[in-house]
Protein backbone atom coordinates (compact mmCIF):
# COMPACT_ATOMS: atom_id res chain seq x y z
CA MET A 1 0.00 0.00 0.00
CA SER A 2 1.21 3.51 -0.65
CA LEU A 3 0.40 6.92 0.81
CA ARG A 4 0.98 10.32 -0.67
CA ILE A 5 2.59 13.38 0.83
CA ILE A 6 -0.22 15.93 1.14
CA ALA A 7 1.49 19.33 0.83
CA GLY A 8 4.80 21.14 0.59
CA ARG A 9 7.88 20.44 -1.47
CA HIS A 10 7.06 16.71 -1.84
CA ARG A 11 3.34 17.22 -2.49
CA GLY A 12 1.78 14.32 -4.35
CA ARG A 13 4.83 12.05 -4.02
CA ARG A 14 4.09 8.46 -3.00
CA ILE A 15 5.67 6.59 -0.11
CA GLU A 16 5.24 2.95 0.89
CA THR A 17 3.83 1.45 4.09
CA PRO A 18 5.22 -1.68 5.77
CA LYS A 19 3.62 -4.91 4.60
CA GLY A 20 1.32 -6.79 6.98
CA LEU A 21 -1.19 -5.81 9.62
CA ALA A 22 1.24 -4.56 12.29
CA THR A 23 1.16 -0.98 10.94
CA ARG A 24 -1.98 1.16 10.74
CA PRO A 25 -1.19 4.28 8.70
CA THR A 26 -2.91 7.55 9.60
CA SER A 27 -5.43 8.29 6.84
CA GLU A 28 -4.53 11.03 4.38
CA ARG A 29 -7.58 13.04 5.45
CA ALA A 30 -6.61 12.89 9.13
CA ARG A 31 -2.94 13.63 8.36
CA GLU A 32 -3.94 16.65 6.26
CA ALA A 33 -6.11 18.02 9.09
CA LEU A 34 -3.35 17.44 11.66
CA PHE A 35 -0.68 19.18 9.63
CA ASN A 36 -2.94 22.12 8.84
CA ILE A 37 -3.27 22.59 12.61
CA LEU A 38 0.48 22.17 13.19
CA GLU A 39 1.35 24.69 10.48
CA HIS A 40 -0.64 27.36 12.34
CA GLY A 41 0.26 26.22 15.87
CA SER A 42 2.96 27.06 18.33
CA PRO A 43 5.76 26.29 17.96
CA PRO A 44 5.48 26.64 14.18
CA LEU A 45 6.04 23.56 12.04
CA ARG A 46 8.30 25.48 9.65
CA GLY A 47 11.80 25.44 11.09
CA SER A 48 10.96 22.85 13.78
CA ARG A 49 12.66 19.66 14.88
CA PHE A 50 9.99 16.95 14.48
CA LEU A 51 9.86 13.63 16.34
CA ASP A 52 7.74 10.81 14.87
CA LEU A 53 7.36 8.06 17.49
CA PHE A 54 5.83 4.67 16.54
CA ALA A 55 6.59 5.94 13.04
CA GLY A 56 5.38 3.01 10.88
CA SER A 57 5.97 4.30 7.34
CA GLY A 58 7.46 7.61 8.50
CA ALA A 59 4.60 9.47 6.80
CA ALA A 60 4.21 12.02 9.61
CA GLY A 61 7.92 12.84 9.76
CA LEU A 62 8.21 13.05 5.99
CA GLU A 63 5.09 15.24 5.77
CA ALA A 64 6.67 17.53 8.38
CA LEU A 65 9.85 17.82 6.29
CA SER A 66 7.81 18.48 3.16
CA ARG A 67 6.08 21.36 4.97
CA GLY A 68 9.24 23.01 6.28
CA ALA A 69 10.53 21.18 9.36
CA VAL A 70 14.32 21.31 9.42
CA GLU A 71 14.75 17.83 10.86
CA ALA A 72 12.66 14.70 11.44
CA LEU A 73 13.62 11.72 13.57
CA MET A 74 11.42 8.67 13.02
CA ILE A 75 11.50 5.93 15.63
CA ASP A 76 9.95 2.46 15.39
CA GLN A 77 10.80 -0.91 16.89
CA ALA A 78 9.71 -3.12 13.98
CA ASN A 79 12.35 -4.10 11.43
CA ALA A 80 9.82 -3.87 8.58
CA ALA A 81 8.92 -0.31 9.59
CA VAL A 82 12.56 0.80 9.84
CA THR A 83 13.35 -0.72 6.42
CA THR A 84 10.30 1.00 4.89
CA ILE A 85 11.15 4.37 6.47
CA ARG A 86 14.71 4.18 5.14
CA ALA A 87 13.39 3.42 1.64
CA ASN A 88 10.92 6.34 1.85
CA ILE A 89 13.70 8.70 2.94
CA GLU A 90 15.70 7.63 -0.12
CA VAL A 91 12.74 8.03 -2.50
CA LEU A 92 12.21 11.61 -1.31
CA GLY A 93 15.92 12.42 -1.21
CA GLU A 94 15.77 13.44 2.46
CA ARG A 95 18.94 11.77 3.80
CA GLU A 96 20.29 15.04 5.20
CA ARG A 97 17.22 16.06 7.21
CA ALA A 98 15.58 12.71 8.02
CA LYS A 99 16.90 10.08 10.39
CA VAL A 100 15.47 6.75 11.48
CA LEU A 101 16.14 4.91 14.72
CA ARG A 102 15.12 1.35 15.57
CA ALA A 103 14.17 1.52 19.24
CA ASP A 104 11.44 0.79 21.78
CA ALA A 105 9.50 4.06 22.07
CA CYS A 106 8.88 3.41 25.77
CA ARG A 107 12.56 2.82 26.61
CA LEU A 108 14.44 5.59 24.88
CA GLY A 109 17.71 6.75 26.35
CA ALA A 110 18.79 10.36 26.58
CA ALA A 111 17.72 12.56 23.68
CA PRO A 112 20.30 13.79 21.16
CA HIS A 113 18.60 17.20 21.59
CA PRO A 114 15.05 18.40 22.40
CA PHE A 115 12.34 18.32 19.74
CA ASP A 116 9.82 21.11 19.08
CA ILE A 117 6.97 18.87 17.93
CA ALA A 118 6.40 15.23 18.89
CA PHE A 119 3.84 12.99 17.18
CA LEU A 120 3.06 9.67 18.88
CA ASP A 121 1.00 7.00 17.11
CA PRO A 122 1.11 3.87 19.29
CA PRO A 123 -1.03 0.87 18.37
CA TYR A 124 -4.61 1.58 19.39
CA GLY A 125 -5.50 0.27 22.85
CA SER A 126 -1.92 -0.87 23.54
CA GLY A 127 -1.35 1.13 26.73
CA LEU A 128 1.96 2.40 25.31
CA LEU A 129 1.10 6.10 25.18
CA VAL A 130 1.66 6.89 28.86
CA PRO A 131 5.07 5.17 29.22
CA ALA A 132 6.21 6.76 25.95
CA LEU A 133 5.20 10.25 27.17
CA GLU A 134 6.93 9.67 30.50
CA GLY A 135 10.14 8.66 28.73
CA LEU A 136 10.08 11.69 26.44
CA LEU A 137 9.76 13.97 29.45
CA THR A 138 12.35 12.35 31.72
CA GLN A 139 14.96 11.76 29.00
CA GLY A 140 14.97 15.32 27.60
CA TRP A 141 13.25 14.67 24.26
CA LEU A 142 10.86 17.64 24.51
CA ALA A 143 11.75 21.32 24.10
CA SER A 144 10.37 23.54 26.87
CA GLU A 145 7.42 24.68 24.74
CA ALA A 146 7.03 21.52 22.66
CA ALA A 147 3.75 20.63 21.00
CA ILE A 148 2.82 17.00 21.56
CA VAL A 149 0.17 15.16 19.55
CA ALA A 150 -0.98 11.60 20.19
CA GLU A 151 -3.14 9.63 17.79
CA VAL A 152 -5.48 7.20 19.54
CA ALA A 153 -8.66 5.34 18.65
CA ALA A 154 -11.71 7.63 18.53
CA ARG A 155 -13.19 6.24 21.75
CA GLU A 156 -9.96 5.29 23.53
CA PRO A 157 -9.67 6.98 26.95
CA VAL A 158 -6.55 9.09 27.51
CA THR A 159 -5.33 10.08 30.95
CA PRO A 160 -2.00 11.87 30.58
CA PRO A 161 0.76 11.07 33.05
CA PRO A 162 1.96 13.67 35.57
CA GLY A 163 3.78 16.46 33.75
CA PHE A 164 1.29 16.73 30.87
CA VAL A 165 -2.02 18.46 30.26
CA ILE A 166 -4.51 17.91 27.41
CA LEU A 167 -5.25 21.12 25.50
CA ASP A 168 -7.54 19.89 22.75
CA GLU A 169 -8.90 16.78 21.04
CA ARG A 170 -10.07 16.33 17.44
CA ARG A 171 -11.77 13.29 15.94
CA TYR A 172 -11.32 12.15 12.33
CA GLY A 173 -13.21 8.94 11.57
CA ALA A 174 -11.72 6.08 13.61
CA ALA A 175 -8.87 8.30 14.86
CA ARG A 176 -8.62 11.03 17.50
CA PHE A 177 -5.76 13.47 17.91
CA VAL A 178 -5.00 14.51 21.48
CA PHE A 179 -2.98 17.73 21.74
CA LEU A 180 -0.84 18.02 24.87
CA ARG A 181 1.75 20.29 26.49
CA THR A 182 3.99 19.75 29.46
CA THR A 183 2.61 21.24 32.64
CA ALA A 184 5.21 24.00 32.51
CA GLU A 185 3.11 25.25 29.59
CA SER A 186 -0.28 24.29 31.05
CA GLY A 187 -1.39 27.91 31.36
CA ARG A 188 -1.99 27.91 27.60
CA THR A 189 -5.57 27.32 26.64
CA ARG A 190 -5.23 26.84 22.87
CA PHE A 191 -2.98 24.75 20.69
């Protein structure tokens, strides 16, 4: 199966998804809505360092680069996902700005540097969102004013761990995006 990049310098280009049922790509409609929000959010997508956790095909990180992010790091534990992400980076010619890391998203070590925007797309109903968020916070993966977005199933309950506050939620078909900030930024009322 292939997906297309929605907007930006790679608009319309196709990328592949890993074979099998282990990866559930974010629909193009939902990805378009998410990135339209991120482009007008704070911090701005253009010029940001973007983290794509549970990356699957790398579509979110590659969309971010297409729309002006200066760097994208895509992390997934599955070999098939990492192989697919590497191939997609090559197809788009993004070796300089895109990196892929095979790792457990809930057991990351210290960050190479903080990221401005983090997108987390754990398997629906897996219970992996909270430990992944905790690791990002304790290991220095999030910039002080980072925007954090989690994709969960439309009806999946989300209780953020200490250190995070939910700012907004948007539903797109079977998916729901939960927009969070660290509590240091919890005085903000809008994404």
